[in-house]
């Protein structure tokens, strides 16, 4: 970080990844809220020694350089507190905190990276629920209870797919959906031993059904219910989640869409059915060139593979415990995929 970098930051102003704080003689108490919010969001830079005049619209006058009186002392105080019980985890190194000369003053620049998903939430004052913050635009805000629970779920490497859905049994599986999947599985793996298994045994091996050996409880897993379940049981358990496909191509005047796939009672709205129906709609007008490998026709192009990969990621990386929509939009010049939840990896 140098003078030119600071000039650029100040020209752009405070935002989701940049915060200024006046800190002439001591650390501002709010620095810890910003540390938490940056770590829990996408990271950012805190500049200590600059006061923002909120009422000033002229960016040239909006930021007052106050400086830090004793930057070495403040840096030590910052790390002493960072390694105390003020925050639950220190994710910084010495290189992340710099003393920078700027316009005759010294500033303390703190680079806060986005915390690894296994480390989140980063919280203060020993209180996970009330001490976790997130960054929105240029402000630090308390995380909601759902925000914190989502970060805790993300920190679990084993995921939530294998969670037992209490009181959901094989009766809640849509037989035609599972049969369709098993036919595709059999075609791709004609000699696989699972092809001879019953539906229950097949799902047990696939992770869609579970038996707890300690309690002897058994039933569908979260993945099994969402992938192959009947629509009504899924909606009873996951009334927070909706699936929606919108075709925005070739729109007529006053039309909001040219085609739509959402739950209308004509199909069992599980993930497998949604995936298969949407995939067909997305690739319906994409050309498939004729190509042979030996005697076998190959018509799966790189574009088809990319669409299938994006649709797969939409499904498997959604957080089904929060309220949201698995949404796919087809436009004249692009496809848009969105789902509830947050990325586990930093945005590059």
Protein backbone atom coordinates (compact mmCIF):
# COMPACT_ATOMS: atom_id res chain seq x y z
CA UNK A 1 0.00 0.00 0.00
CA UNK A 2 1.40 3.39 -0.99
CA UNK A 3 0.26 7.02 -1.36
CA UNK A 4 -1.18 6.44 -4.82
CA UNK A 5 -3.18 3.43 -3.58
CA UNK A 6 -4.65 5.53 -0.77
CA UNK A 7 -5.56 8.32 -3.20
CA UNK A 8 -7.47 5.83 -5.33
CA UNK A 9 -9.28 4.38 -2.29
CA UNK A 10 -10.35 7.83 -1.12
CA UNK A 11 -11.54 8.83 -4.59
CA UNK A 12 -13.82 5.80 -4.67
CA UNK A 13 -15.00 6.38 -1.11
CA UNK A 14 -16.14 3.95 1.57
CA UNK A 15 -17.80 0.84 0.25
CA UNK A 16 -18.18 -2.86 0.94
CA UNK A 17 -14.38 -3.42 1.01
CA UNK A 18 -13.11 -0.09 2.40
CA UNK A 19 -13.58 1.71 5.73
CA UNK A 20 -11.91 4.78 7.26
CA UNK A 21 -11.75 5.54 10.98
CA UNK A 22 -10.41 8.43 13.03
CA UNK A 23 -7.81 7.09 15.45
CA UNK A 24 -5.50 9.86 16.65
CA UNK A 25 -4.67 8.53 20.12
CA UNK A 26 -6.35 5.13 20.50
CA UNK A 27 -7.98 2.30 18.64
CA UNK A 28 -11.61 3.06 17.82
CA UNK A 29 -13.94 0.51 19.41
CA UNK A 30 -15.79 0.04 16.12
CA UNK A 31 -12.67 -1.40 14.45
CA UNK A 32 -13.61 -4.83 15.80
CA UNK A 33 -17.07 -4.75 14.26
CA UNK A 34 -15.48 -3.92 10.91
CA UNK A 35 -12.88 -6.66 11.36
CA UNK A 36 -15.71 -9.15 11.90
CA UNK A 37 -17.80 -7.85 9.00
CA UNK A 38 -14.92 -7.86 6.49
CA UNK A 39 -13.83 -11.35 7.55
CA UNK A 40 -17.37 -12.71 7.27
CA UNK A 41 -18.06 -11.06 3.90
CA UNK A 42 -15.41 -10.62 1.18
CA UNK A 43 -12.56 -8.98 3.06
CA UNK A 44 -11.49 -5.35 2.94
CA UNK A 45 -9.14 -2.55 4.01
CA UNK A 46 -9.42 -0.48 7.20
CA UNK A 47 -7.52 2.83 7.20
CA UNK A 48 -6.98 4.27 10.68
CA UNK A 49 -6.14 7.99 10.87
CA UNK A 50 -8.73 9.35 8.44
CA UNK A 51 -12.00 10.99 9.44
CA UNK A 52 -14.93 10.89 7.06
CA UNK A 53 -17.22 13.92 6.95
CA UNK A 54 -20.51 12.27 6.06
CA UNK A 55 -22.30 15.52 5.14
CA UNK A 56 -19.63 16.57 2.62
CA UNK A 57 -20.55 15.63 -0.96
CA UNK A 58 -17.24 16.79 -2.47
CA UNK A 59 -14.93 13.77 -2.27
CA UNK A 60 -11.91 16.09 -2.23
CA UNK A 61 -13.14 17.50 1.08
CA UNK A 62 -14.96 14.48 2.45
CA UNK A 63 -11.92 12.82 4.07
CA UNK A 64 -9.87 14.63 6.72
CA UNK A 65 -6.37 13.27 7.35
CA UNK A 66 -5.96 13.19 11.15
CA UNK A 67 -3.16 10.62 11.32
CA UNK A 68 -2.17 8.22 14.10
CA UNK A 69 -0.04 9.75 16.88
CA UNK A 70 1.94 6.64 17.80
CA UNK A 71 1.43 4.04 15.06
CA UNK A 72 3.87 1.43 16.48
CA UNK A 73 2.11 1.51 19.83
CA UNK A 74 -1.32 1.30 18.18
CA UNK A 75 -0.21 -1.63 16.01
CA UNK A 76 0.94 -3.51 19.13
CA UNK A 77 -2.31 -2.67 20.91
CA UNK A 78 -4.27 -3.91 17.91
CA UNK A 79 -2.48 -7.28 17.85
CA UNK A 80 -2.63 -7.65 21.64
CA UNK A 81 -6.40 -7.24 21.49
CA UNK A 82 -6.70 -9.37 18.37
CA UNK A 83 -5.02 -12.26 20.18
CA UNK A 84 -7.13 -11.85 23.32
CA UNK A 85 -10.68 -13.01 23.92
CA UNK A 86 -12.05 -9.88 22.23
CA UNK A 87 -12.43 -11.84 19.00
CA UNK A 88 -12.83 -15.56 18.56
CA UNK A 89 -10.10 -15.92 15.93
CA UNK A 90 -7.11 -13.98 14.60
CA UNK A 91 -6.84 -14.43 10.82
CA UNK A 92 -4.16 -11.72 10.32
CA UNK A 93 -0.38 -11.83 10.13
CA UNK A 94 2.09 -9.03 10.83
CA UNK A 95 2.25 -8.27 7.10
CA UNK A 96 -1.49 -7.49 7.08
CA UNK A 97 -1.01 -4.36 9.23
CA UNK A 98 1.10 -1.55 7.72
CA UNK A 99 2.23 1.88 8.89
CA UNK A 100 2.01 4.23 5.91
CA UNK A 101 3.26 7.85 5.70
CA UNK A 102 0.63 10.01 4.01
CA UNK A 103 0.53 13.81 3.65
CA UNK A 104 2.77 14.44 6.65
CA UNK A 105 0.94 11.95 8.90
CA UNK A 106 1.13 8.26 9.66
CA UNK A 107 -1.79 5.96 8.89
CA UNK A 108 -2.38 2.40 10.06
CA UNK A 109 -3.62 0.20 7.22
CA UNK A 110 -5.26 -3.12 8.14
CA UNK A 111 -5.82 -5.66 5.38
CA UNK A 112 -8.58 -8.08 6.47
CA UNK A 113 -8.95 -11.13 4.19
CA UNK A 114 -12.17 -13.05 3.81
CA UNK A 115 -12.06 -15.79 6.44
CA UNK A 116 -11.93 -19.37 5.21
CA UNK A 117 -15.37 -20.99 5.34
CA UNK A 118 -14.06 -23.36 8.03
CA UNK A 119 -13.23 -20.35 10.23
CA UNK A 120 -16.51 -18.43 9.93
CA UNK A 121 -18.25 -16.87 11.69
CA UNK A 122 -15.69 -14.40 13.04
CA UNK A 123 -17.31 -12.74 16.04
CA UNK A 124 -16.48 -10.44 18.97
CA UNK A 125 -17.09 -10.30 22.73
CA UNK A 126 -17.48 -14.08 23.00
CA UNK A 127 -21.01 -13.96 21.59
CA UNK A 128 -21.48 -15.77 18.30
CA UNK A 129 -25.10 -14.75 17.77
CA UNK A 130 -24.84 -11.08 18.77
CA UNK A 131 -21.17 -10.50 17.98
CA UNK A 132 -21.07 -11.60 14.32
CA UNK A 133 -21.17 -8.85 11.70
CA UNK A 134 -21.45 -8.66 7.92
CA UNK A 135 -20.70 -5.92 5.42
CA UNK A 136 -23.41 -4.29 3.33
CA UNK A 137 -22.44 -1.39 1.06
CA UNK A 138 -20.39 0.83 3.45
CA UNK A 139 -21.81 -0.28 6.79
CA UNK A 140 -21.27 -3.02 9.38
CA UNK A 141 -24.46 -4.82 10.40
CA UNK A 142 -25.28 -7.55 12.88
CA UNK A 143 -25.65 -10.96 11.28
CA UNK A 144 -29.08 -12.46 11.70
CA UNK A 145 -29.49 -15.79 13.44
CA UNK A 146 -30.02 -17.37 10.00
CA UNK A 147 -26.77 -15.79 8.74
CA UNK A 148 -24.82 -17.30 11.63
CA UNK A 149 -26.45 -20.72 11.26
CA UNK A 150 -25.63 -20.68 7.53
CA UNK A 151 -21.94 -20.02 8.25
CA UNK A 152 -21.89 -22.83 10.80
CA UNK A 153 -23.40 -25.20 8.23
CA UNK A 154 -20.86 -24.09 5.62
CA UNK A 155 -18.04 -24.83 8.07
CA UNK A 156 -19.08 -28.49 8.09
CA UNK A 157 -16.99 -30.18 5.37
CA UNK A 158 -19.24 -33.23 5.35
CA UNK A 159 -22.16 -30.99 4.35
CA UNK A 160 -25.82 -31.45 5.16
CA UNK A 161 -26.78 -33.89 2.41
CA UNK A 162 -26.65 -36.89 4.74
CA UNK A 163 -28.80 -35.34 7.50
CA UNK A 164 -31.64 -37.68 8.49
CA UNK A 165 -35.07 -36.26 7.68
CA UNK A 166 -37.13 -37.44 10.65
CA UNK A 167 -40.35 -39.27 9.71
CA UNK A 168 -39.66 -39.20 5.96
CA UNK A 169 -39.65 -42.72 4.50
CA UNK A 170 -39.61 -44.54 1.17
CA UNK A 171 -43.31 -43.68 0.89
CA UNK A 172 -42.23 -40.07 0.29
CA UNK A 173 -40.15 -41.03 -2.74
CA UNK A 174 -41.67 -40.37 -6.17
CA UNK A 175 -41.33 -43.77 -7.85
CA UNK A 176 -41.32 -42.51 -11.49
CA UNK A 177 -38.55 -40.00 -10.69
CA UNK A 178 -36.36 -42.60 -9.03
CA UNK A 179 -37.06 -45.07 -11.84
CA UNK A 180 -36.01 -42.48 -14.44
CA UNK A 181 -32.76 -41.82 -12.59
CA UNK A 182 -32.05 -45.54 -12.18
CA UNK A 183 -32.57 -46.08 -15.92
CA UNK A 184 -29.96 -43.40 -16.67
CA UNK A 185 -27.64 -44.89 -14.07
CA UNK A 186 -28.09 -48.37 -15.59
CA UNK A 187 -27.37 -47.07 -19.09
CA UNK A 188 -24.17 -45.35 -17.93
CA UNK A 189 -23.13 -48.27 -15.68
CA UNK A 190 -24.59 -51.47 -17.21
CA UNK A 191 -22.50 -53.84 -15.09
CA UNK A 192 -22.83 -52.02 -11.77
CA UNK A 193 -23.87 -54.20 -8.83
CA UNK A 194 -26.30 -51.53 -7.60
CA UNK A 195 -28.54 -52.16 -10.60
CA UNK A 196 -29.87 -55.30 -8.91
CA UNK A 197 -30.61 -53.60 -5.59
CA UNK A 198 -34.04 -52.63 -4.36
CA UNK A 199 -34.90 -48.93 -4.38
CA UNK A 200 -34.20 -48.68 -0.64
CA UNK A 201 -30.80 -50.42 -0.97
CA UNK A 202 -29.95 -48.28 -3.98
CA UNK A 203 -30.70 -45.06 -2.10
CA UNK A 204 -28.83 -46.35 0.95
CA UNK A 205 -25.69 -46.78 -1.15
CA UNK A 206 -26.22 -43.46 -2.94
CA UNK A 207 -26.60 -41.53 0.32
CA UNK A 208 -30.28 -40.83 -0.17
CA UNK A 209 -31.34 -43.07 2.73
CA UNK A 210 -29.65 -43.58 6.08
CA UNK A 211 -29.74 -46.00 9.00
CA UNK A 212 -28.36 -44.77 12.34
CA UNK A 213 -26.70 -47.82 13.88
CA UNK A 214 -26.72 -46.31 17.36
CA UNK A 215 -30.38 -45.32 17.60
CA UNK A 216 -31.74 -47.62 14.87
CA UNK A 217 -33.57 -44.65 13.38
CA UNK A 218 -33.74 -44.64 9.62
CA UNK A 219 -35.25 -42.68 6.78
CA UNK A 220 -34.53 -40.39 3.85
CA UNK A 221 -31.62 -37.99 3.97
CA UNK A 222 -31.91 -34.35 2.98
CA UNK A 223 -30.40 -35.21 -0.42
CA UNK A 224 -32.68 -38.19 -0.97
CA UNK A 225 -35.85 -36.24 -0.22
CA UNK A 226 -34.93 -33.20 -2.30
CA UNK A 227 -33.67 -35.20 -5.28
CA UNK A 228 -36.32 -37.89 -5.58
CA UNK A 229 -39.13 -36.96 -3.22
CA UNK A 230 -42.76 -36.29 -4.00
CA UNK A 231 -43.62 -32.62 -4.30
CA UNK A 232 -45.94 -32.40 -1.29
CA UNK A 233 -43.50 -33.89 1.28
CA UNK A 234 -40.74 -31.63 -0.07
CA UNK A 235 -42.92 -28.54 0.23
CA UNK A 236 -43.98 -29.55 3.74
CA UNK A 237 -40.35 -29.73 4.89
CA UNK A 238 -38.77 -27.09 2.63
CA UNK A 239 -41.46 -24.47 2.20
CA UNK A 240 -38.61 -21.92 2.21
CA UNK A 241 -37.27 -23.08 -1.17
CA UNK A 242 -38.76 -22.53 -4.62
CA UNK A 243 -37.57 -23.58 -8.09
CA UNK A 244 -38.10 -21.29 -11.06
CA UNK A 245 -37.07 -21.20 -14.71
CA UNK A 246 -37.75 -18.15 -16.90
CA UNK A 247 -37.20 -17.92 -20.65
CA UNK A 248 -36.63 -14.22 -21.38
CA UNK A 249 -35.80 -14.68 -25.08
CA UNK A 250 -37.90 -13.37 -27.96
CA UNK A 251 -40.15 -11.41 -25.62
CA UNK A 252 -43.35 -10.01 -27.04
CA UNK A 253 -44.53 -6.50 -26.05
CA UNK A 254 -45.92 -6.43 -22.50
CA UNK A 255 -44.69 -10.00 -21.87
CA UNK A 256 -42.66 -10.77 -18.74
CA UNK A 257 -41.37 -14.07 -20.12
CA UNK A 258 -41.86 -16.33 -23.13
CA UNK A 259 -41.80 -19.57 -21.14
CA UNK A 260 -41.75 -20.48 -17.47
CA UNK A 261 -41.26 -23.62 -15.41
CA UNK A 262 -42.37 -23.40 -11.80
CA UNK A 263 -44.55 -25.57 -9.63
CA UNK A 264 -48.02 -25.78 -11.17
CA UNK A 265 -49.18 -29.21 -10.00
CA UNK A 266 -48.27 -30.91 -13.29
CA UNK A 267 -44.92 -32.30 -12.18
CA UNK A 268 -43.35 -33.53 -8.95
CA UNK A 269 -41.14 -30.60 -8.02
CA UNK A 270 -38.03 -32.42 -6.84
CA UNK A 271 -34.51 -31.44 -7.84
CA UNK A 272 -34.03 -34.24 -10.35
CA UNK A 273 -37.14 -33.32 -12.31
CA UNK A 274 -36.26 -29.63 -12.17
CA UNK A 275 -32.73 -30.33 -13.43
CA UNK A 276 -33.84 -32.53 -16.32
CA UNK A 277 -36.65 -30.25 -17.48
CA UNK A 278 -34.56 -27.07 -17.28
CA UNK A 279 -31.58 -28.65 -19.02
CA UNK A 280 -33.73 -29.53 -22.04
CA UNK A 281 -35.07 -25.98 -22.23
CA UNK A 282 -31.63 -24.39 -21.96
CA UNK A 283 -30.08 -26.38 -24.81
CA UNK A 284 -33.15 -26.62 -27.05
CA UNK A 285 -31.84 -24.13 -29.63
CA UNK A 286 -28.11 -24.82 -29.33
CA UNK A 287 -26.72 -26.56 -32.41
CA UNK A 288 -25.33 -30.08 -32.13
CA UNK A 289 -22.78 -30.75 -34.91
CA UNK A 290 -22.60 -34.25 -36.34
CA UNK A 291 -19.40 -36.05 -35.32
CA UNK A 292 -18.48 -39.73 -35.13
CA UNK A 293 -15.98 -41.49 -32.90
CA UNK A 294 -15.79 -44.92 -34.44
CA UNK A 295 -19.43 -45.93 -34.90
CA UNK A 296 -20.72 -43.72 -32.05
CA UNK A 297 -22.21 -40.26 -32.64
CA UNK A 298 -20.81 -37.55 -30.35
CA UNK A 299 -23.03 -34.47 -30.06
CA UNK A 300 -22.20 -33.25 -26.54
CA UNK A 301 -20.39 -29.98 -27.25
CA UNK A 302 -18.37 -27.84 -24.85
CA UNK A 303 -21.32 -25.43 -24.64
CA UNK A 304 -23.67 -28.22 -23.58
CA UNK A 305 -21.15 -29.36 -20.98
CA UNK A 306 -20.75 -25.83 -19.60
CA UNK A 307 -24.52 -25.39 -19.25
CA UNK A 308 -24.85 -28.76 -17.55
CA UNK A 309 -22.00 -27.90 -15.17
CA UNK A 310 -23.55 -24.54 -14.27
CA UNK A 311 -26.93 -26.16 -13.63
CA UNK A 312 -25.29 -28.86 -11.51
CA UNK A 313 -23.49 -26.22 -9.43
CA UNK A 314 -26.76 -24.34 -8.97
CA UNK A 315 -28.29 -27.43 -7.37
CA UNK A 316 -25.44 -28.82 -5.29
CA UNK A 317 -24.13 -25.51 -3.92
CA UNK A 318 -27.46 -24.10 -2.75
CA UNK A 319 -28.24 -23.70 0.96
CA UNK A 320 -31.60 -25.40 1.39
CA UNK A 321 -31.97 -24.28 5.00
CA UNK A 322 -32.52 -20.61 4.13
CA UNK A 323 -35.32 -18.92 2.26
CA UNK A 324 -34.60 -18.47 -1.43
CA UNK A 325 -35.13 -19.47 -5.04
CA UNK A 326 -33.19 -21.81 -7.31
CA UNK A 327 -33.59 -19.57 -10.33
CA UNK A 328 -32.49 -20.02 -13.95
CA UNK A 329 -33.01 -17.30 -16.55
CA UNK A 330 -32.46 -17.73 -20.27
CA UNK A 331 -31.74 -14.45 -22.08
CA UNK A 332 -30.90 -13.70 -25.69
CA UNK A 333 -27.22 -13.22 -24.83
CA UNK A 334 -26.64 -15.14 -21.58
CA UNK A 335 -27.86 -17.59 -18.96
CA UNK A 336 -28.25 -16.48 -15.34
CA UNK A 337 -28.11 -18.99 -12.47
CA UNK A 338 -28.80 -17.96 -8.87
CA UNK A 339 -29.43 -19.82 -5.65
CA UNK A 340 -29.67 -19.16 -1.90
CA UNK A 341 -26.50 -19.31 0.17
CA UNK A 342 -22.99 -17.90 -0.02
CA UNK A 343 -19.73 -18.91 -1.69
CA UNK A 344 -17.31 -20.90 0.43
CA UNK A 345 -14.36 -19.61 -1.58
CA UNK A 346 -13.29 -15.97 -2.04
CA UNK A 347 -14.45 -14.06 -5.13
CA UNK A 348 -11.43 -13.74 -7.43
